[in-house]
Amino acid sequence: MGEIKTVCVYCGSGAGTNPRFIETAIAFGRQLALSGIGLVYGGGSIGLMGAVAKATLDHGGTVTGIIPSFLTKKENMLDRVQELIVTDDMHERKRLMFERSDAFVALPGGIGTLEELVEQLTWQQLGRHKKPILIANVDGFWEPLLALLDHMRDTAFIRPNLTVELLQADAVEQILPMLRDAAAATADDEAEAVVPEIAERF
């Protein structure tokens, strides 16, 4: 899989305290649309989630929203997307987001965003997929996580044979080129779907 056709974006259902968070979400949604790359995201209409989805739609892009039924009201499900999938639970939501995406981008967010990002890093580390994973380090938002990963390496919990390939972009303009370069580098053995043992978990 050398071509990026869809990108899964993990991000907050809130706006955060820094106006650049929303600005980045809007700018990235616009870039996805203008590049002809589909957005896969959590299905909400509020916070950064809503901002990236609405910007993609407003510029003619394609959006797939995947949301569990218990969050449809809490996160104000965005029903004007081209494809809206309501799942029974979070596990199904995450599985479908994985299956439908060629790469993963984490914008600023909270515990849910962190959990989704770390799960993809875990699967990558264990050799379950080779899809690019990138953090948009808006105004240094992800610096504490990067420091923690360094600490894990220093204390030998991330060992040389279990590397973590986490791309880092400091500007919106860097994101898609970095994802494309990473996908091209692993085109020969890119994982296309959930492997059987992961699928069985759900």
Protein backbone atom coordinates (compact mmCIF):
# COMPACT_ATOMS: atom_id res chain seq x y z
CA MET A 1 0.00 0.00 0.00
CA GLY A 2 2.07 2.90 -1.28
CA GLU A 3 -0.75 5.38 -1.72
CA ILE A 4 -2.61 7.25 0.99
CA LYS A 5 -6.32 7.31 0.10
CA THR A 6 -7.82 7.72 3.57
CA VAL A 7 -6.50 9.16 6.82
CA CYS A 8 -7.91 8.45 10.26
CA VAL A 9 -7.78 11.48 12.52
CA TYR A 10 -7.84 11.09 16.29
CA CYS A 11 -8.54 14.32 18.17
CA GLY A 12 -10.47 15.91 20.98
CA SER A 13 -14.22 16.35 21.21
CA GLY A 14 -13.38 19.63 22.92
CA ALA A 15 -11.65 22.70 21.52
CA GLY A 16 -8.89 22.99 24.11
CA THR A 17 -7.44 26.24 25.38
CA ASN A 18 -5.21 27.15 22.43
CA PRO A 19 -6.89 28.66 19.33
CA ARG A 20 -4.22 26.99 17.18
CA PHE A 21 -5.72 23.60 17.95
CA ILE A 22 -8.94 24.42 16.08
CA GLU A 23 -7.04 26.30 13.40
CA THR A 24 -4.89 23.23 12.76
CA ALA A 25 -7.92 20.93 12.60
CA ILE A 26 -9.60 23.22 10.06
CA ALA A 27 -6.43 23.58 7.99
CA PHE A 28 -5.85 19.83 7.91
CA GLY A 29 -9.44 19.11 6.91
CA ARG A 30 -9.04 21.54 4.04
CA GLN A 31 -5.79 19.89 2.96
CA LEU A 32 -7.38 16.45 2.98
CA ALA A 33 -10.22 17.65 0.78
CA LEU A 34 -7.99 19.50 -1.69
CA SER A 35 -5.70 16.47 -1.90
CA GLY A 36 -8.56 14.08 -2.62
CA ILE A 37 -7.90 12.09 0.56
CA GLY A 38 -10.84 10.83 2.56
CA LEU A 39 -11.22 11.53 6.27
CA VAL A 40 -12.10 8.78 8.72
CA TYR A 41 -12.91 10.10 12.18
CA GLY A 42 -15.03 9.66 15.30
CA GLY A 43 -18.31 10.99 13.96
CA GLY A 44 -18.90 13.97 16.26
CA SER A 45 -19.70 17.57 15.35
CA ILE A 46 -18.06 19.32 18.30
CA GLY A 47 -14.52 20.26 19.25
CA LEU A 48 -11.58 19.40 17.03
CA MET A 49 -13.48 16.39 15.68
CA GLY A 50 -16.22 18.59 14.32
CA ALA A 51 -13.76 21.17 13.03
CA VAL A 52 -11.71 18.74 10.92
CA ALA A 53 -14.81 17.02 9.54
CA LYS A 54 -16.69 20.21 8.67
CA ALA A 55 -13.62 21.72 7.02
CA THR A 56 -13.17 18.58 4.91
CA LEU A 57 -16.82 18.68 3.84
CA ASP A 58 -16.83 22.45 3.25
CA HIS A 59 -13.98 22.05 0.75
CA GLY A 60 -15.57 19.20 -1.15
CA GLY A 61 -13.92 16.28 0.62
CA THR A 62 -15.24 12.89 1.62
CA VAL A 63 -15.84 12.00 5.27
CA THR A 64 -16.61 8.73 7.03
CA GLY A 65 -17.82 9.16 10.60
CA ILE A 66 -17.76 6.15 12.92
CA ILE A 67 -19.40 6.61 16.31
CA PRO A 68 -20.75 4.27 18.99
CA SER A 69 -24.46 4.60 19.70
CA PHE A 70 -23.97 5.83 23.28
CA LEU A 71 -22.02 8.87 22.02
CA THR A 72 -24.38 10.00 19.25
CA LYS A 73 -26.00 12.62 21.47
CA LYS A 74 -23.07 13.42 23.76
CA GLU A 75 -20.79 14.25 20.82
CA ASN A 76 -23.59 15.60 18.60
CA MET A 77 -23.25 13.15 15.73
CA LEU A 78 -22.50 14.91 12.44
CA ASP A 79 -25.09 13.57 10.02
CA ARG A 80 -24.06 15.44 6.87
CA VAL A 81 -21.05 13.23 6.23
CA GLN A 82 -21.14 10.98 3.17
CA GLU A 83 -20.90 7.83 5.27
CA LEU A 84 -22.01 7.53 8.88
CA ILE A 85 -21.57 4.28 10.78
CA VAL A 86 -23.10 3.82 14.23
CA THR A 87 -21.47 0.95 16.11
CA ASP A 88 -22.54 -1.04 19.14
CA ASP A 89 -19.41 -0.25 21.13
CA MET A 90 -15.98 1.36 21.15
CA HIS A 91 -14.18 -1.80 20.09
CA GLU A 92 -16.15 -2.05 16.86
CA ARG A 93 -15.63 1.64 16.23
CA LYS A 94 -11.86 1.35 16.55
CA ARG A 95 -11.71 -1.77 14.40
CA LEU A 96 -13.63 -0.11 11.58
CA MET A 97 -11.52 3.05 11.83
CA PHE A 98 -8.43 0.88 11.49
CA GLU A 99 -9.76 -1.11 8.56
CA ARG A 100 -10.88 1.94 6.60
CA SER A 101 -7.69 3.98 7.03
CA ASP A 102 -4.31 4.01 5.32
CA ALA A 103 -2.65 6.20 7.95
CA PHE A 104 -3.31 7.74 11.37
CA VAL A 105 -2.92 11.32 12.57
CA ALA A 106 -3.34 12.46 16.16
CA LEU A 107 -4.22 16.09 16.69
CA PRO A 108 -4.41 17.43 20.25
CA GLY A 109 -6.94 15.66 22.44
CA GLY A 110 -7.58 13.96 25.73
CA ILE A 111 -7.57 10.43 27.14
CA GLY A 112 -9.58 8.98 24.26
CA THR A 113 -7.24 10.45 21.68
CA LEU A 114 -4.22 9.18 23.59
CA GLU A 115 -5.73 5.70 23.97
CA GLU A 116 -6.45 5.40 20.24
CA LEU A 117 -2.99 6.65 19.32
CA VAL A 118 -1.20 4.31 21.73
CA GLU A 119 -3.23 1.32 20.55
CA GLN A 120 -2.05 1.89 16.98
CA LEU A 121 1.53 2.26 18.22
CA THR A 122 1.17 -1.00 20.15
CA TRP A 123 -0.13 -2.91 17.13
CA GLN A 124 2.66 -1.42 15.02
CA GLN A 125 5.30 -2.33 17.60
CA LEU A 126 4.06 -5.92 17.64
CA GLY A 127 4.16 -6.14 13.86
CA ARG A 128 0.41 -6.15 13.31
CA HIS A 129 0.47 -3.29 10.80
CA LYS A 130 2.84 -0.87 9.09
CA LYS A 131 0.49 2.01 8.41
CA PRO A 132 2.06 5.42 9.13
CA ILE A 133 1.25 7.03 12.49
CA LEU A 134 1.84 10.74 12.99
CA ILE A 135 1.32 13.28 15.74
CA ALA A 136 0.59 16.89 14.88
CA ASN A 137 2.67 18.52 17.60
CA VAL A 138 0.77 21.81 17.66
CA ASP A 139 2.67 24.28 19.84
CA GLY A 140 4.43 21.35 21.50
CA PHE A 141 1.22 19.68 22.67
CA TRP A 142 2.69 16.16 22.41
CA GLU A 143 6.07 16.94 23.99
CA PRO A 144 5.20 15.19 27.29
CA LEU A 145 4.36 12.01 25.37
CA LEU A 146 7.60 12.20 23.39
CA ALA A 147 9.51 12.63 26.66
CA LEU A 148 7.73 9.59 28.11
CA LEU A 149 8.65 7.48 25.07
CA ASP A 150 12.28 8.55 25.47
CA HIS A 151 12.09 7.58 29.15
CA MET A 152 10.70 4.16 28.19
CA ARG A 153 13.62 3.67 25.79
CA ASP A 154 16.13 4.80 28.40
CA THR A 155 14.72 2.31 30.91
CA ALA A 156 14.65 -0.52 28.34
CA PHE A 157 10.88 -0.94 28.19
CA ILE A 158 10.95 0.04 24.54
CA ARG A 159 13.70 -2.28 23.36
CA PRO A 160 15.65 -1.96 20.08
CA ASN A 161 13.78 -4.93 18.60
CA LEU A 162 10.42 -3.34 19.49
CA THR A 163 10.83 0.12 18.02
CA VAL A 164 8.08 2.72 17.86
CA GLU A 165 7.82 4.51 14.52
CA LEU A 166 5.99 7.72 15.39
CA LEU A 167 6.16 10.55 12.88
CA GLN A 168 6.07 14.11 14.16
CA ALA A 169 4.87 17.17 12.26
CA ASP A 170 5.20 20.66 13.65
CA ALA A 171 3.21 22.29 10.83
CA VAL A 172 0.08 21.23 8.94
CA GLU A 173 1.90 21.45 5.63
CA GLN A 174 4.25 18.66 6.71
CA ILE A 175 1.61 16.06 7.51
CA LEU A 176 0.57 14.65 4.13
CA PRO A 177 4.08 14.63 2.62
CA MET A 178 5.39 12.77 5.67
CA LEU A 179 2.57 10.21 5.50
CA ARG A 180 3.11 9.66 1.78
CA ASP A 181 6.85 9.21 2.20
CA ALA A 182 6.34 6.70 5.02
CA ALA A 183 3.73 4.75 3.07
CA ALA A 184 5.95 4.60 0.00
CA ALA A 185 8.85 3.30 2.09
CA THR A 186 6.79 0.33 3.30
CA ALA A 187 4.75 -0.28 0.15
CA ASP A 188 5.91 -3.85 -0.28
CA ASP A 189 4.64 -5.15 3.03
CA GLU A 190 2.01 -2.66 4.19
CA ALA A 191 -0.71 -4.35 6.24
CA GLU A 192 -4.10 -3.91 4.55
CA ALA A 193 -6.46 -5.18 7.25
CA VAL A 194 -6.72 -6.39 10.83
CA VAL A 195 -4.87 -9.65 11.24
CA PRO A 196 -6.99 -12.60 12.45
CA GLU A 197 -5.87 -12.53 16.07
CA ILE A 198 -6.81 -8.83 16.39
CA ALA A 199 -10.16 -9.35 14.66
CA GLU A 200 -10.95 -12.14 17.12
CA ARG A 201 -10.57 -9.73 20.02
CA PHE A 202 -13.63 -7.84 18.88
